[in-house]
Protein backbone atom coordinates (compact mmCIF):
# COMPACT_ATOMS: atom_id res chain seq x y z
CA MET A 1 32.86 -20.67 23.58
CA ARG A 2 29.80 -18.53 24.80
CA ARG A 3 30.36 -15.74 22.61
CA TRP A 4 31.01 -18.20 19.51
CA LEU A 5 27.66 -19.43 20.13
CA MET A 6 25.85 -16.07 20.34
CA LEU A 7 27.53 -15.03 16.90
CA LEU A 8 26.68 -18.10 15.20
CA SER A 9 22.88 -17.80 16.36
CA LEU A 10 22.85 -13.94 15.44
CA VAL A 11 23.77 -15.13 11.76
CA LEU A 12 21.13 -17.98 11.32
CA LEU A 13 19.09 -16.21 13.04
CA GLY A 14 19.34 -12.56 11.60
CA GLY A 15 16.68 -12.16 9.50
CA ALA A 16 14.29 -13.80 11.69
CA GLY A 17 13.31 -10.30 13.11
CA CYS A 18 13.84 -8.21 9.55
CA HIS A 19 10.21 -6.94 8.11
CA ARG A 20 9.62 -7.56 4.63
CA ALA A 21 8.03 -5.22 2.09
CA TYR A 22 4.37 -5.27 1.72
CA GLN A 23 3.09 -5.96 -1.49
CA VAL A 24 -0.63 -6.49 -2.79
CA ILE A 25 -0.56 -8.98 -5.84
CA ASP A 26 -3.44 -9.01 -8.13
CA GLU A 27 -5.93 -8.51 -5.26
CA PRO A 28 -9.38 -9.12 -7.23
CA ILE A 29 -11.93 -6.62 -7.36
CA VAL A 30 -15.04 -7.76 -5.77
CA GLY A 31 -18.45 -6.50 -4.39
CA GLY A 32 -20.77 -4.46 -6.00
CA ARG A 33 -18.20 -3.20 -8.81
CA ALA A 34 -16.95 -6.15 -9.88
CA ASN A 35 -18.19 -5.64 -13.59
CA TRP A 36 -16.58 -2.13 -14.14
CA GLY A 37 -13.68 -1.23 -16.60
CA GLN A 38 -10.16 -0.86 -16.63
CA GLU A 39 -11.25 3.18 -16.53
CA GLN A 40 -13.61 3.13 -13.36
CA VAL A 41 -11.23 1.12 -11.32
CA GLY A 42 -8.24 3.42 -11.91
CA THR A 43 -10.83 6.16 -11.07
CA ALA A 44 -11.67 4.54 -8.01
CA ILE A 45 -8.21 3.73 -7.27
CA ARG A 46 -7.15 7.12 -7.38
CA LYS A 47 -10.00 8.39 -5.33
CA ALA A 48 -8.38 6.33 -2.48
CA LEU A 49 -5.21 7.58 -3.04
CA VAL A 50 -6.73 11.14 -2.34
CA ALA A 51 -8.55 10.09 0.57
CA ARG A 52 -5.16 8.64 2.08
CA ASN A 53 -3.11 12.03 0.99
CA TRP A 54 -1.23 10.19 -1.60
CA LEU A 55 0.14 12.14 -4.64
CA ILE A 56 -0.27 10.81 -8.05
CA VAL A 57 3.35 11.33 -9.86
CA LYS A 58 2.35 9.11 -13.29
CA ASP A 59 -1.18 8.32 -14.39
CA GLU A 60 -1.14 6.05 -17.12
CA PRO A 61 -3.25 3.44 -18.22
CA GLY A 62 -3.61 0.28 -16.11
CA ARG A 63 -0.89 2.04 -13.81
CA LEU A 64 -0.43 4.63 -11.15
CA GLU A 65 3.05 5.76 -9.67
CA THR A 66 1.97 7.58 -5.76
CA SER A 67 4.10 8.86 -3.33
CA LEU A 68 3.27 9.46 0.26
CA GLN A 69 5.43 12.19 2.15
CA LYS A 70 4.89 13.12 5.95
CA GLY A 71 8.14 15.11 7.51
CA ARG A 72 11.24 13.33 6.06
CA ALA A 73 9.86 10.30 5.55
CA SER A 74 8.81 9.28 2.14
CA VAL A 75 7.36 6.63 -0.21
CA ILE A 76 6.98 5.54 -3.71
CA LEU A 77 4.31 2.99 -4.50
CA GLU A 78 3.40 1.52 -7.94
CA VAL A 79 -0.65 0.59 -8.68
CA ALA A 80 -1.42 -1.24 -11.69
CA TYR A 81 -4.52 -2.12 -12.03
CA SER A 82 -7.02 -3.66 -14.46
CA GLU A 83 -11.11 -4.48 -14.64
CA SER A 84 -10.16 -7.60 -12.14
CA ALA A 85 -7.74 -6.70 -10.26
CA TYR A 86 -4.80 -4.26 -8.74
CA SER A 87 -1.50 -4.87 -7.96
CA ILE A 88 0.19 -2.25 -5.09
CA GLU A 89 4.27 -2.54 -5.13
CA PRO A 90 6.84 -0.47 -3.17
CA LEU A 91 9.35 1.14 -5.66
CA GLU A 92 10.96 3.19 -2.70
CA ARG A 93 11.33 4.51 0.74
CA ARG A 94 13.18 6.61 2.47
CA HIS A 95 13.85 7.50 6.52
CA VAL A 96 10.74 5.15 6.99
CA SER A 97 10.98 1.75 8.47
CA VAL A 98 9.54 -1.44 6.34
CA ARG A 99 7.11 -1.76 9.21
CA LYS A 100 5.89 1.65 9.11
CA MET A 101 5.59 1.63 5.07
CA ASN A 102 3.65 -1.89 5.68
CA GLN A 103 1.28 0.36 7.48
CA TRP A 104 0.87 3.08 5.20
CA ILE A 105 0.18 0.37 2.12
CA ARG A 106 -2.11 -2.09 3.98
CA LYS A 107 -4.46 0.83 4.94
CA LEU A 108 -4.25 2.40 1.05
CA GLN A 109 -5.57 -0.88 0.06
CA LYS A 110 -8.11 -1.05 2.49
CA THR A 111 -9.58 2.02 1.39
CA ILE A 112 -8.95 0.78 -2.33
CA ARG A 113 -11.16 -2.06 -1.53
CA ARG A 114 -13.96 0.11 0.20
CA GLU A 115 -13.85 2.19 -3.08
CA LEU A 116 -13.92 -0.35 -5.18
CA ALA A 117 -17.18 -2.21 -2.96
CA GLY A 118 -19.05 1.27 -3.13
CA ARG A 119 -18.67 1.50 0.60
CA PHE A 120 -16.32 4.18 0.55
CA GLN A 121 -17.71 7.70 2.39
CA GLU A 122 -16.11 11.01 1.54
CA GLY A 123 -13.58 12.07 4.34
CA PRO A 124 -12.30 10.01 7.15
CA SER A 125 -15.31 8.42 9.13
CA SER A 126 -15.07 6.78 12.68
CA ASP A 127 -14.40 3.66 11.10
CA GLN A 128 -11.66 4.17 9.17
CA ASP A 129 -8.02 4.42 10.13
CA THR A 130 -5.96 7.73 9.70
CA ASP A 131 -2.43 7.99 8.73
CA GLU A 132 -1.02 9.59 11.50
CA ASP A 133 2.15 8.44 13.39
C-alpha cells in the first residue's frame, strides 16, 4: 500500500519540480529610448547580444536568431522586436538544463533592458552579471 501511495504521488506531483523554459513576451521598451524606431531597437538588441557573447545566426528586420555555446552546451533563441516591444523565445537547447538556459535568457533580458534604456556600459562592469557557469 505504501509503495502504491508513493507511486501515485509521483504521478500526480511529477511536474511540480520541473522547470519551464523562460520566455520574454512583448516586453515594452521604456525609458530614454522609448521613441526609437525598429532599426534603432534592433541595433540596441544586437549590441546586447554581442556584449553577452551570443552569436547572431540570422538577422532579418524585426527578427534575430541567435545562439550561445559554452562547451557542449548550446541554446538557440529567437528575438523578435518592433519599435515598441521585444520578445525572446527559446527555439532549441542541447546539453544544458532548462534552469541554466533560463539564467542565460534572464541575463540577456537584463542587458537588453539596459541597452534600450541607454544605461549600458561597454564591457562587463561590476554591477553586471557574467555568463559564467
